[in-house]
């Protein structure tokens, strides 16, 4: 979704543990792939 829009439906159904991971991405605007260590920056407009 980089440069576009990411639509997350049923956002209220994610687990508390994953809420923490999602919050970090929204705050930092970067994340790491599963099994990776390189931070990846994205420009995404979020609609939930």
ModelCIF file with pLDDT and N, C-alpha, C, O atoms, coordinates in Angstrom:
data_MODEL
#
_entry.id   MODEL 
#
_entity.id                         1 
_entity.type                       polymer 
_entity.pdbx_number_of_molecules   1 
#
_entity_poly.entity_id                      1 
_entity_poly.type                           'polypeptide(L)' 
_entity_poly.nstd_linkage                   no 
_entity_poly.nstd_monomer                   no 
_entity_poly.pdbx_seq_one_letter_code       
;(UNK)(UNK)(UNK)(UNK)(UNK)(UNK)(UNK)(UNK)(UNK)(UNK)(UNK)(UNK)(UNK)(UNK)(UNK)(UNK)
(UNK)(UNK)(UNK)(UNK)(UNK)(UNK)(UNK)(UNK)(UNK)(UNK)(UNK)(UNK)(UNK)(UNK)(UNK)(UNK)
(UNK)(UNK)(UNK)(UNK)(UNK)(UNK)(UNK)(UNK)(UNK)(UNK)(UNK)(UNK)(UNK)(UNK)(UNK)(UNK)
;
_entity_poly.pdbx_seq_one_letter_code_can   XXXXXXXXXXXXXXXXXXXXXXXXXXXXXXXXXXXXXXXXXXXXXXXX 
_entity_poly.pdbx_strand_id                 A 
#
loop_
_entity_poly_seq.entity_id 
_entity_poly_seq.num 
_entity_poly_seq.mon_id 
_entity_poly_seq.hetero 
1 1  UNK n 
1 2  UNK n 
1 3  UNK n 
1 4  UNK n 
1 5  UNK n 
1 6  UNK n 
1 7  UNK n 
1 8  UNK n 
1 9  UNK n 
1 10 UNK n 
1 11 UNK n 
1 12 UNK n 
1 13 UNK n 
1 14 UNK n 
1 15 UNK n 
1 16 UNK n 
1 17 UNK n 
1 18 UNK n 
1 19 UNK n 
1 20 UNK n 
1 21 UNK n 
1 22 UNK n 
1 23 UNK n 
1 24 UNK n 
1 25 UNK n 
1 26 UNK n 
1 27 UNK n 
1 28 UNK n 
1 29 UNK n 
1 30 UNK n 
1 31 UNK n 
1 32 UNK n 
1 33 UNK n 
1 34 UNK n 
1 35 UNK n 
1 36 UNK n 
1 37 UNK n 
1 38 UNK n 
1 39 UNK n 
1 40 UNK n 
1 41 UNK n 
1 42 UNK n 
1 43 UNK n 
1 44 UNK n 
1 45 UNK n 
1 46 UNK n 
1 47 UNK n 
1 48 UNK n 
#
_struct_asym.id          A 
_struct_asym.entity_id   1 
#
loop_
_ma_qa_metric.id 
_ma_qa_metric.mode 
_ma_qa_metric.name 
_ma_qa_metric.software_group_id 
_ma_qa_metric.type 
1 global pLDDT . pLDDT 
2 local  pLDDT . pLDDT 
#
_ma_qa_metric_global.metric_id      1 
_ma_qa_metric_global.metric_value   87.75 
_ma_qa_metric_global.model_id       1 
_ma_qa_metric_global.ordinal_id     1 
#
loop_
_ma_qa_metric_local.label_asym_id 
_ma_qa_metric_local.label_comp_id 
_ma_qa_metric_local.label_seq_id 
_ma_qa_metric_local.metric_id 
_ma_qa_metric_local.metric_value 
_ma_qa_metric_local.model_id 
_ma_qa_metric_local.ordinal_id 
A UNK 1  2 91.00 1 1  
A UNK 2  2 90.00 1 2  
A UNK 3  2 92.00 1 3  
A UNK 4  2 94.00 1 4  
A UNK 5  2 95.00 1 5  
A UNK 6  2 94.00 1 6  
A UNK 7  2 95.00 1 7  
A UNK 8  2 93.00 1 8  
A UNK 9  2 93.00 1 9  
A UNK 10 2 93.00 1 10 
A UNK 11 2 93.00 1 11 
A UNK 12 2 93.00 1 12 
A UNK 13 2 92.00 1 13 
A UNK 14 2 91.00 1 14 
A UNK 15 2 90.00 1 15 
A UNK 16 2 89.00 1 16 
A UNK 17 2 88.00 1 17 
A UNK 18 2 89.00 1 18 
A UNK 19 2 91.00 1 19 
A UNK 20 2 89.00 1 20 
A UNK 21 2 87.00 1 21 
A UNK 22 2 89.00 1 22 
A UNK 23 2 89.00 1 23 
A UNK 24 2 86.00 1 24 
A UNK 25 2 87.00 1 25 
A UNK 26 2 87.00 1 26 
A UNK 27 2 85.00 1 27 
A UNK 28 2 82.00 1 28 
A UNK 29 2 82.00 1 29 
A UNK 30 2 82.00 1 30 
A UNK 31 2 81.00 1 31 
A UNK 32 2 80.00 1 32 
A UNK 33 2 81.00 1 33 
A UNK 34 2 79.00 1 34 
A UNK 35 2 74.00 1 35 
A UNK 36 2 72.00 1 36 
A UNK 37 2 73.00 1 37 
A UNK 38 2 80.00 1 38 
A UNK 39 2 83.00 1 39 
A UNK 40 2 86.00 1 40 
A UNK 41 2 88.00 1 41 
A UNK 42 2 87.00 1 42 
A UNK 43 2 90.00 1 43 
A UNK 44 2 91.00 1 44 
A UNK 45 2 93.00 1 45 
A UNK 46 2 93.00 1 46 
A UNK 47 2 95.00 1 47 
A UNK 48 2 95.00 1 48 
#
loop_
_atom_site.group_PDB 
_atom_site.id 
_atom_site.type_symbol 
_atom_site.label_atom_id 
_atom_site.label_alt_id 
_atom_site.label_comp_id 
_atom_site.label_asym_id 
_atom_site.label_entity_id 
_atom_site.label_seq_id 
_atom_site.pdbx_PDB_ins_code 
_atom_site.Cartn_x 
_atom_site.Cartn_y 
_atom_site.Cartn_z 
_atom_site.occupancy 
_atom_site.B_iso_or_equiv 
_atom_site.pdbx_formal_charge 
_atom_site.auth_seq_id 
_atom_site.auth_comp_id 
_atom_site.auth_asym_id 
_atom_site.auth_atom_id 
_atom_site.pdbx_PDB_model_num 
ATOM 1   N N  . UNK A 1 1  ? 0.815   -1.224  0.000  1.00 91.00 ? 1  UNK A N  1 
ATOM 2   C CA . UNK A 1 1  ? 0.000   0.000   0.000  1.00 91.00 ? 1  UNK A CA 1 
ATOM 3   C C  . UNK A 1 1  ? 0.843   1.266   0.000  1.00 91.00 ? 1  UNK A C  1 
ATOM 4   O O  . UNK A 1 1  ? 0.287   2.360   0.087  1.00 91.00 ? 1  UNK A O  1 
ATOM 5   N N  . UNK A 1 2  ? 2.151   1.158   -0.094 1.00 90.00 ? 2  UNK A N  1 
ATOM 6   C CA . UNK A 1 2  ? 3.019   2.342   -0.048 1.00 90.00 ? 2  UNK A CA 1 
ATOM 7   C C  . UNK A 1 2  ? 2.615   3.343   -1.135 1.00 90.00 ? 2  UNK A C  1 
ATOM 8   O O  . UNK A 1 2  ? 2.542   3.004   -2.316 1.00 90.00 ? 2  UNK A O  1 
ATOM 9   N N  . UNK A 1 3  ? 2.355   4.579   -0.710 1.00 92.00 ? 3  UNK A N  1 
ATOM 10  C CA . UNK A 1 3  ? 1.902   5.609   -1.644 1.00 92.00 ? 3  UNK A CA 1 
ATOM 11  C C  . UNK A 1 3  ? 0.410   5.603   -1.878 1.00 92.00 ? 3  UNK A C  1 
ATOM 12  O O  . UNK A 1 3  ? -0.111  6.408   -2.649 1.00 92.00 ? 3  UNK A O  1 
ATOM 13  N N  . UNK A 1 4  ? -0.283  4.685   -1.206 1.00 94.00 ? 4  UNK A N  1 
ATOM 14  C CA . UNK A 1 4  ? -1.730  4.584   -1.397 1.00 94.00 ? 4  UNK A CA 1 
ATOM 15  C C  . UNK A 1 4  ? -2.457  4.491   -0.073 1.00 94.00 ? 4  UNK A C  1 
ATOM 16  O O  . UNK A 1 4  ? -2.087  5.143   0.904  1.00 94.00 ? 4  UNK A O  1 
ATOM 17  N N  . UNK A 1 5  ? -3.507  3.665   -0.052 1.00 95.00 ? 5  UNK A N  1 
ATOM 18  C CA . UNK A 1 5  ? -4.376  3.543   1.115  1.00 95.00 ? 5  UNK A CA 1 
ATOM 19  C C  . UNK A 1 5  ? -4.460  2.094   1.555  1.00 95.00 ? 5  UNK A C  1 
ATOM 20  O O  . UNK A 1 5  ? -4.614  1.192   0.732  1.00 95.00 ? 5  UNK A O  1 
ATOM 21  N N  . UNK A 1 6  ? -4.357  1.874   2.865  1.00 94.00 ? 6  UNK A N  1 
ATOM 22  C CA . UNK A 1 6  ? -4.515  0.542   3.442  1.00 94.00 ? 6  UNK A CA 1 
ATOM 23  C C  . UNK A 1 6  ? -5.814  0.523   4.246  1.00 94.00 ? 6  UNK A C  1 
ATOM 24  O O  . UNK A 1 6  ? -5.994  1.317   5.170  1.00 94.00 ? 6  UNK A O  1 
ATOM 25  N N  . UNK A 1 7  ? -6.714  -0.387  3.887  1.00 95.00 ? 7  UNK A N  1 
ATOM 26  C CA . UNK A 1 7  ? -8.002  -0.513  4.571  1.00 95.00 ? 7  UNK A CA 1 
ATOM 27  C C  . UNK A 1 7  ? -7.970  -1.748  5.453  1.00 95.00 ? 7  UNK A C  1 
ATOM 28  O O  . UNK A 1 7  ? -7.874  -2.871  4.959  1.00 95.00 ? 7  UNK A O  1 
ATOM 29  N N  . UNK A 1 8  ? -8.052  -1.536  6.764  1.00 93.00 ? 8  UNK A N  1 
ATOM 30  C CA . UNK A 1 8  ? -8.077  -2.632  7.729  1.00 93.00 ? 8  UNK A CA 1 
ATOM 31  C C  . UNK A 1 8  ? -9.493  -2.787  8.245  1.00 93.00 ? 8  UNK A C  1 
ATOM 32  O O  . UNK A 1 8  ? -9.964  -1.981  9.048  1.00 93.00 ? 8  UNK A O  1 
ATOM 33  N N  . UNK A 1 9  ? -10.168 -3.826  7.783  1.00 93.00 ? 9  UNK A N  1 
ATOM 34  C CA . UNK A 1 9  ? -11.543 -4.088  8.213  1.00 93.00 ? 9  UNK A CA 1 
ATOM 35  C C  . UNK A 1 9  ? -11.525 -4.899  9.506  1.00 93.00 ? 9  UNK A C  1 
ATOM 36  O O  . UNK A 1 9  ? -10.597 -5.665  9.766  1.00 93.00 ? 9  UNK A O  1 
ATOM 37  N N  . UNK A 1 10 ? -12.576 -4.714  10.312 1.00 93.00 ? 10 UNK A N  1 
ATOM 38  C CA . UNK A 1 10 ? -12.719 -5.412  11.586 1.00 93.00 ? 10 UNK A CA 1 
ATOM 39  C C  . UNK A 1 10 ? -11.492 -5.213  12.469 1.00 93.00 ? 10 UNK A C  1 
ATOM 40  O O  . UNK A 1 10 ? -10.952 -6.174  13.016 1.00 93.00 ? 10 UNK A O  1 
ATOM 41  N N  . UNK A 1 11 ? -11.053 -3.964  12.606 1.00 93.00 ? 11 UNK A N  1 
ATOM 42  C CA . UNK A 1 11 ? -9.872  -3.642  13.397 1.00 93.00 ? 11 UNK A CA 1 
ATOM 43  C C  . UNK A 1 11 ? -10.097 -3.979  14.866 1.00 93.00 ? 11 UNK A C  1 
ATOM 44  O O  . UNK A 1 11 ? -9.138  -4.203  15.605 1.00 93.00 ? 11 UNK A O  1 
ATOM 45  N N  . UNK A 1 12 ? -11.362 -4.017  15.297 1.00 93.00 ? 12 UNK A N  1 
ATOM 46  C CA . UNK A 1 12 ? -11.659 -4.310  16.691 1.00 93.00 ? 12 UNK A CA 1 
ATOM 47  C C  . UNK A 1 12 ? -11.443 -5.762  17.070 1.00 93.00 ? 12 UNK A C  1 
ATOM 48  O O  . UNK A 1 12 ? -11.533 -6.097  18.251 1.00 93.00 ? 12 UNK A O  1 
ATOM 49  N N  . UNK A 1 13 ? -11.157 -6.649  16.100 1.00 92.00 ? 13 UNK A N  1 
ATOM 50  C CA . UNK A 1 13 ? -11.013 -8.069  16.379 1.00 92.00 ? 13 UNK A CA 1 
ATOM 51  C C  . UNK A 1 13 ? -9.566  -8.512  16.542 1.00 92.00 ? 13 UNK A C  1 
ATOM 52  O O  . UNK A 1 13 ? -9.318  -9.697  16.769 1.00 92.00 ? 13 UNK A O  1 
ATOM 53  N N  . UNK A 1 14 ? -8.599  -7.600  16.435 1.00 91.00 ? 14 UNK A N  1 
ATOM 54  C CA . UNK A 1 14 ? -7.204  -8.014  16.578 1.00 91.00 ? 14 UNK A CA 1 
ATOM 55  C C  . UNK A 1 14 ? -6.876  -8.210  18.059 1.00 91.00 ? 14 UNK A C  1 
ATOM 56  O O  . UNK A 1 14 ? -7.462  -7.559  18.924 1.00 91.00 ? 14 UNK A O  1 
ATOM 57  N N  . UNK A 1 15 ? -5.949  -9.101  18.336 1.00 90.00 ? 15 UNK A N  1 
ATOM 58  C CA . UNK A 1 15 ? -5.612  -9.457  19.709 1.00 90.00 ? 15 UNK A CA 1 
ATOM 59  C C  . UNK A 1 15 ? -4.844  -8.336  20.395 1.00 90.00 ? 15 UNK A C  1 
ATOM 60  O O  . UNK A 1 15 ? -4.232  -7.511  19.717 1.00 90.00 ? 15 UNK A O  1 
ATOM 61  N N  . UNK A 1 16 ? -4.862  -8.287  21.726 1.00 89.00 ? 16 UNK A N  1 
ATOM 62  C CA . UNK A 1 16 ? -4.101  -7.262  22.444 1.00 89.00 ? 16 UNK A CA 1 
ATOM 63  C C  . UNK A 1 16 ? -2.617  -7.283  22.120 1.00 89.00 ? 16 UNK A C  1 
ATOM 64  O O  . UNK A 1 16 ? -1.984  -6.230  22.046 1.00 89.00 ? 16 UNK A O  1 
ATOM 65  N N  . UNK A 1 17 ? -2.051  -8.478  21.924 1.00 88.00 ? 17 UNK A N  1 
ATOM 66  C CA . UNK A 1 17 ? -0.617  -8.560  21.606 1.00 88.00 ? 17 UNK A CA 1 
ATOM 67  C C  . UNK A 1 17 ? -0.319  -7.925  20.253 1.00 88.00 ? 17 UNK A C  1 
ATOM 68  O O  . UNK A 1 17 ? 0.680   -7.223  20.097 1.00 88.00 ? 17 UNK A O  1 
ATOM 69  N N  . UNK A 1 18 ? -1.189  -8.175  19.276 1.00 89.00 ? 18 UNK A N  1 
ATOM 70  C CA . UNK A 1 18 ? -0.937  -7.596  17.958 1.00 89.00 ? 18 UNK A CA 1 
ATOM 71  C C  . UNK A 1 18 ? -1.251  -6.102  17.943 1.00 89.00 ? 18 UNK A C  1 
ATOM 72  O O  . UNK A 1 18 ? -0.692  -5.360  17.135 1.00 89.00 ? 18 UNK A O  1 
ATOM 73  N N  . UNK A 1 19 ? -2.139  -5.659  18.828 1.00 91.00 ? 19 UNK A N  1 
ATOM 74  C CA . UNK A 1 19 ? -2.414  -4.223  18.915 1.00 91.00 ? 19 UNK A CA 1 
ATOM 75  C C  . UNK A 1 19 ? -1.127  -3.454  19.203 1.00 91.00 ? 19 UNK A C  1 
ATOM 76  O O  . UNK A 1 19 ? -0.914  -2.372  18.655 1.00 91.00 ? 19 UNK A O  1 
ATOM 77  N N  . UNK A 1 20 ? -0.273  -4.005  20.057 1.00 89.00 ? 20 UNK A N  1 
ATOM 78  C CA . UNK A 1 20 ? 0.998   -3.354  20.398 1.00 89.00 ? 20 UNK A CA 1 
ATOM 79  C C  . UNK A 1 20 ? 1.886   -3.237  19.167 1.00 89.00 ? 20 UNK A C  1 
ATOM 80  O O  . UNK A 1 20 ? 2.490   -2.188  18.943 1.00 89.00 ? 20 UNK A O  1 
ATOM 81  N N  . UNK A 1 21 ? 1.977   -4.295  18.365 1.00 87.00 ? 21 UNK A N  1 
ATOM 82  C CA . UNK A 1 21 ? 2.798   -4.258  17.150 1.00 87.00 ? 21 UNK A CA 1 
ATOM 83  C C  . UNK A 1 21 ? 2.255   -3.257  16.146 1.00 87.00 ? 21 UNK A C  1 
ATOM 84  O O  . UNK A 1 21 ? 3.019   -2.527  15.513 1.00 87.00 ? 21 UNK A O  1 
ATOM 85  N N  . UNK A 1 22 ? 0.932   -3.221  15.998 1.00 89.00 ? 22 UNK A N  1 
ATOM 86  C CA . UNK A 1 22 ? 0.332   -2.291  15.044 1.00 89.00 ? 22 UNK A CA 1 
ATOM 87  C C  . UNK A 1 22 ? 0.535   -0.845  15.489 1.00 89.00 ? 22 UNK A C  1 
ATOM 88  O O  . UNK A 1 22 ? 0.787   0.036   14.666 1.00 89.00 ? 22 UNK A O  1 
ATOM 89  N N  . UNK A 1 23 ? 0.424   -0.609  16.781 1.00 89.00 ? 23 UNK A N  1 
ATOM 90  C CA . UNK A 1 23 ? 0.614   0.741   17.304 1.00 89.00 ? 23 UNK A CA 1 
ATOM 91  C C  . UNK A 1 23 ? 2.018   1.262   16.994 1.00 89.00 ? 23 UNK A C  1 
ATOM 92  O O  . UNK A 1 23 ? 2.190   2.426   16.632 1.00 89.00 ? 23 UNK A O  1 
ATOM 93  N N  . UNK A 1 24 ? 3.016   0.395   17.139 1.00 86.00 ? 24 UNK A N  1 
ATOM 94  C CA . UNK A 1 24 ? 4.395   0.811   16.865 1.00 86.00 ? 24 UNK A CA 1 
ATOM 95  C C  . UNK A 1 24 ? 4.557   1.220   15.410 1.00 86.00 ? 24 UNK A C  1 
ATOM 96  O O  . UNK A 1 24 ? 5.228   2.206   15.107 1.00 86.00 ? 24 UNK A O  1 
ATOM 97  N N  . UNK A 1 25 ? 3.947   0.468   14.519 1.00 87.00 ? 25 UNK A N  1 
ATOM 98  C CA . UNK A 1 25 ? 4.046   0.793   13.095 1.00 87.00 ? 25 UNK A CA 1 
ATOM 99  C C  . UNK A 1 25 ? 3.394   2.145   12.811 1.00 87.00 ? 25 UNK A C  1 
ATOM 100 O O  . UNK A 1 25 ? 3.939   2.960   12.066 1.00 87.00 ? 25 UNK A O  1 
ATOM 101 N N  . UNK A 1 26 ? 2.234   2.376   13.407 1.00 87.00 ? 26 UNK A N  1 
ATOM 102 C CA . UNK A 1 26 ? 1.523   3.633   13.165 1.00 87.00 ? 26 UNK A CA 1 
ATOM 103 C C  . UNK A 1 26 ? 2.283   4.825   13.744 1.00 87.00 ? 26 UNK A C  1 
ATOM 104 O O  . UNK A 1 26 ? 2.234   5.922   13.188 1.00 87.00 ? 26 UNK A O  1 
ATOM 105 N N  . UNK A 1 27 ? 2.981   4.615   14.854 1.00 85.00 ? 27 UNK A N  1 
ATOM 106 C CA . UNK A 1 27 ? 3.735   5.703   15.465 1.00 85.00 ? 27 UNK A CA 1 
ATOM 107 C C  . UNK A 1 27 ? 5.035   5.984   14.731 1.00 85.00 ? 27 UNK A C  1 
ATOM 108 O O  . UNK A 1 27 ? 5.373   7.140   14.478 1.00 85.00 ? 27 UNK A O  1 
ATOM 109 N N  . UNK A 1 28 ? 5.758   4.941   14.391 1.00 82.00 ? 28 UNK A N  1 
ATOM 110 C CA . UNK A 1 28 ? 7.080   5.100   13.793 1.00 82.00 ? 28 UNK A CA 1 
ATOM 111 C C  . UNK A 1 28 ? 7.040   5.191   12.269 1.00 82.00 ? 28 UNK A C  1 
ATOM 112 O O  . UNK A 1 28 ? 8.008   5.627   11.646 1.00 82.00 ? 28 UNK A O  1 
ATOM 113 N N  . UNK A 1 29 ? 5.941   4.786   11.679 1.00 82.00 ? 29 UNK A N  1 
ATOM 114 C CA . UNK A 1 29 ? 5.839   4.734   10.211 1.00 82.00 ? 29 UNK A CA 1 
ATOM 115 C C  . UNK A 1 29 ? 6.886   3.807   9.603  1.00 82.00 ? 29 UNK A C  1 
ATOM 116 O O  . UNK A 1 29 ? 7.297   3.994   8.458  1.00 82.00 ? 29 UNK A O  1 
ATOM 117 N N  . UNK A 1 30 ? 7.317   2.809   10.369 1.00 82.00 ? 30 UNK A N  1 
ATOM 118 C CA . UNK A 1 30 ? 8.246   1.814   9.854  1.00 82.00 ? 30 UNK A CA 1 
ATOM 119 C C  . UNK A 1 30 ? 8.004   0.491   10.568 1.00 82.00 ? 30 UNK A C  1 
ATOM 120 O O  . UNK A 1 30 ? 7.397   0.452   11.638 1.00 82.00 ? 30 UNK A O  1 
ATOM 121 N N  . UNK A 1 31 ? 8.482   -0.588  9.967  1.00 81.00 ? 31 UNK A N  1 
ATOM 122 C CA . UNK A 1 31 ? 8.277   -1.918  10.538 1.00 81.00 ? 31 UNK A CA 1 
ATOM 123 C C  . UNK A 1 31 ? 9.372   -2.835  10.017 1.00 81.00 ? 31 UNK A C  1 
ATOM 124 O O  . UNK A 1 31 ? 10.181  -2.437  9.179  1.00 81.00 ? 31 UNK A O  1 
ATOM 125 N N  . UNK A 1 32 ? 9.392   -4.039  10.507 1.00 80.00 ? 32 UNK A N  1 
ATOM 126 C CA . UNK A 1 32 ? 10.315  -5.063  10.034 1.00 80.00 ? 32 UNK A CA 1 
ATOM 127 C C  . UNK A 1 32 ? 9.511   -6.281  9.611  1.00 80.00 ? 32 UNK A C  1 
ATOM 128 O O  . UNK A 1 32 ? 8.516   -6.634  10.244 1.00 80.00 ? 32 UNK A O  1 
ATOM 129 N N  . UNK A 1 33 ? 9.945   -6.907  8.553  1.00 81.00 ? 33 UNK A N  1 
ATOM 130 C CA . UNK A 1 33 ? 9.284   -8.139  8.134  1.00 81.00 ? 33 UNK A CA 1 
ATOM 131 C C  . UNK A 1 33 ? 9.505   -9.236  9.165  1.00 81.00 ? 33 UNK A C  1 
ATOM 132 O O  . UNK A 1 33 ? 10.467  -9.208  9.932  1.00 81.00 ? 33 UNK A O  1 
ATOM 133 N N  . UNK A 1 34 ? 8.599   -10.194 9.163  1.00 79.00 ? 34 UNK A N  1 
ATOM 134 C CA . UNK A 1 34 ? 8.756   -11.343 10.058 1.00 79.00 ? 34 UNK A CA 1 
ATOM 135 C C  . UNK A 1 34 ? 10.058  -12.049 9.686  1.00 79.00 ? 34 UNK A C  1 
ATOM 136 O O  . UNK A 1 34 ? 10.268  -12.421 8.532  1.00 79.00 ? 34 UNK A O  1 
ATOM 137 N N  . UNK A 1 35 ? 10.934  -12.227 10.687 1.00 74.00 ? 35 UNK A N  1 
ATOM 138 C CA . UNK A 1 35 ? 12.219  -12.867 10.439 1.00 74.00 ? 35 UNK A CA 1 
ATOM 139 C C  . UNK A 1 35 ? 13.265  -11.921 9.926  1.00 74.00 ? 35 UNK A C  1 
ATOM 140 O O  . UNK A 1 35 ? 14.387  -12.352 9.661  1.00 74.00 ? 35 UNK A O  1 
ATOM 141 N N  . UNK A 1 36 ? 12.957  -10.640 9.771  1.00 72.00 ? 36 UNK A N  1 
ATOM 142 C CA . UNK A 1 36 ? 13.913  -9.673  9.260  1.00 72.00 ? 36 UNK A CA 1 
ATOM 143 C C  . UNK A 1 36 ? 14.373  -8.719  10.340 1.00 72.00 ? 36 UNK A C  1 
ATOM 144 O O  . UNK A 1 36 ? 13.803  -8.673  11.430 1.00 72.00 ? 36 UNK A O  1 
ATOM 145 N N  . UNK A 1 37 ? 15.412  -7.956  10.027 1.00 73.00 ? 37 UNK A N  1 
ATOM 146 C CA . UNK A 1 37 ? 15.936  -6.972  10.980 1.00 73.00 ? 37 UNK A CA 1 
ATOM 147 C C  . UNK A 1 37 ? 16.084  -5.599  10.355 1.00 73.00 ? 37 UNK A C  1 
ATOM 148 O O  . UNK A 1 37 ? 16.451  -4.643  11.040 1.00 73.00 ? 37 UNK A O  1 
ATOM 149 N N  . UNK A 1 38 ? 15.807  -5.487  9.081  1.00 80.00 ? 38 UNK A N  1 
ATOM 150 C CA . UNK A 1 38 ? 15.960  -4.212  8.387  1.00 80.00 ? 38 UNK A CA 1 
ATOM 151 C C  . UNK A 1 38 ? 14.654  -3.423  8.472  1.00 80.00 ? 38 UNK A C  1 
ATOM 152 O O  . UNK A 1 38 ? 13.613  -3.911  8.031  1.00 80.00 ? 38 UNK A O  1 
ATOM 153 N N  . UNK A 1 39 ? 14.692  -2.195  9.040  1.00 83.00 ? 39 UNK A N  1 
ATOM 154 C CA . UNK A 1 39 ? 13.456  -1.398  9.109  1.00 83.00 ? 39 UNK A CA 1 
ATOM 155 C C  . UNK A 1 39 ? 13.024  -0.929  7.718  1.00 83.00 ? 39 UNK A C  1 
ATOM 156 O O  . UNK A 1 39 ? 13.850  -0.540  6.892  1.00 83.00 ? 39 UNK A O  1 
ATOM 157 N N  . UNK A 1 40 ? 11.736  -0.973  7.487  1.00 86.00 ? 40 UNK A N  1 
ATOM 158 C CA . UNK A 1 40 ? 11.176  -0.567  6.197  1.00 86.00 ? 40 UNK A CA 1 
ATOM 159 C C  . UNK A 1 40 ? 10.219  0.595   6.442  1.00 86.00 ? 40 UNK A C  1 
ATOM 160 O O  . UNK A 1 40 ? 9.279   0.473   7.227  1.00 86.00 ? 40 UNK A O  1 
ATOM 161 N N  . UNK A 1 41 ? 10.453  1.706   5.780  1.00 88.00 ? 41 UNK A N  1 
ATOM 162 C CA . UNK A 1 41 ? 9.597   2.878   5.923  1.00 88.00 ? 41 UNK A CA 1 
ATOM 163 C C  . UNK A 1 41 ? 8.561   2.890   4.805  1.00 88.00 ? 41 UNK A C  1 
ATOM 164 O O  . UNK A 1 41 ? 8.863   2.547   3.662  1.00 88.00 ? 41 UNK A O  1 
ATOM 165 N N  . UNK A 1 42 ? 7.345   3.285   5.144  1.00 87.00 ? 42 UNK A N  1 
ATOM 166 C CA . UNK A 1 42 ? 6.274   3.343   4.147  1.00 87.00 ? 42 UNK A CA 1 
ATOM 167 C C  . UNK A 1 42 ? 5.478   4.625   4.322  1.00 87.00 ? 42 UNK A C  1 
ATOM 168 O O  . UNK A 1 42 ? 5.446   5.210   5.405  1.00 87.00 ? 42 UNK A O  1 
ATOM 169 N N  . UNK A 1 43 ? 4.845   5.048   3.254  1.00 90.00 ? 43 UNK A N  1 
ATOM 170 C CA . UNK A 1 43 ? 3.937   6.204   3.275  1.00 90.00 ? 43 UNK A CA 1 
ATOM 171 C C  . UNK A 1 43 ? 2.541   5.686   2.944  1.00 90.00 ? 43 UNK A C  1 
ATOM 172 O O  . UNK A 1 43 ? 2.196   5.511   1.775  1.00 90.00 ? 43 UNK A O  1 
ATOM 173 N N  . UNK A 1 44 ? 1.745   5.444   3.980  1.00 91.00 ? 44 UNK A N  1 
ATOM 174 C CA . UNK A 1 44 ? 0.445   4.796   3.824  1.00 91.00 ? 44 UNK A CA 1 
ATOM 175 C C  . UNK A 1 44 ? -0.620  5.619   4.527  1.00 91.00 ? 44 UNK A C  1 
ATOM 176 O O  . UNK A 1 44 ? -0.424  6.066   5.657  1.00 91.00 ? 44 UNK A O  1 
ATOM 177 N N  . UNK A 1 45 ? -1.755  5.819   3.852  1.00 93.00 ? 45 UNK A N  1 
ATOM 178 C CA . UNK A 1 45 ? -2.918  6.434   4.500  1.00 93.00 ? 45 UNK A CA 1 
ATOM 179 C C  . UNK A 1 45 ? -3.794  5.292   5.016  1.00 93.00 ? 45 UNK A C  1 
ATOM 180 O O  . UNK A 1 45 ? -4.169  4.401   4.253  1.00 93.00 ? 45 UNK A O  1 
ATOM 181 N N  . UNK A 1 46 ? -4.119  5.319   6.305  1.00 93.00 ? 46 UNK A N  1 
ATOM 182 C CA . UNK A 1 46 ? -4.833  4.212   6.928  1.00 93.00 ? 46 UNK A CA 1 
ATOM 183 C C  . UNK A 1 46 ? -6.316  4.535   7.075  1.00 93.00 ? 46 UNK A C  1 
ATOM 184 O O  . UNK A 1 46 ? -6.690  5.594   7.577  1.00 93.00 ? 46 UNK A O  1 
ATOM 185 N N  . UNK A 1 47 ? -7.150  3.603   6.628  1.00 95.00 ? 47 UNK A N  1 
ATOM 186 C CA . UNK A 1 47 ? -8.591  3.663   6.856  1.00 95.00 ? 47 UNK A CA 1 
ATOM 187 C C  . UNK A 1 47 ? -8.974  2.365   7.552  1.00 95.00 ? 47 UNK A C  1 
ATOM 188 O O  . UNK A 1 47 ? -8.709  1.274   7.047  1.00 95.00 ? 47 UNK A O  1 
ATOM 189 N N  . UNK A 1 48 ? -9.600  2.496   8.715  1.00 95.00 ? 48 UNK A N  1 
ATOM 190 C CA . UNK A 1 48 ? -9.998  1.321   9.488  1.00 95.00 ? 48 UNK A CA 1 
ATOM 191 C C  . UNK A 1 48 ? -11.522 1.236   9.556  1.00 95.00 ? 48 UNK A C  1 
ATOM 192 O O  . UNK A 1 48 ? -12.062 0.313   10.165 1.00 95.00 ? 48 UNK A O  1 
#
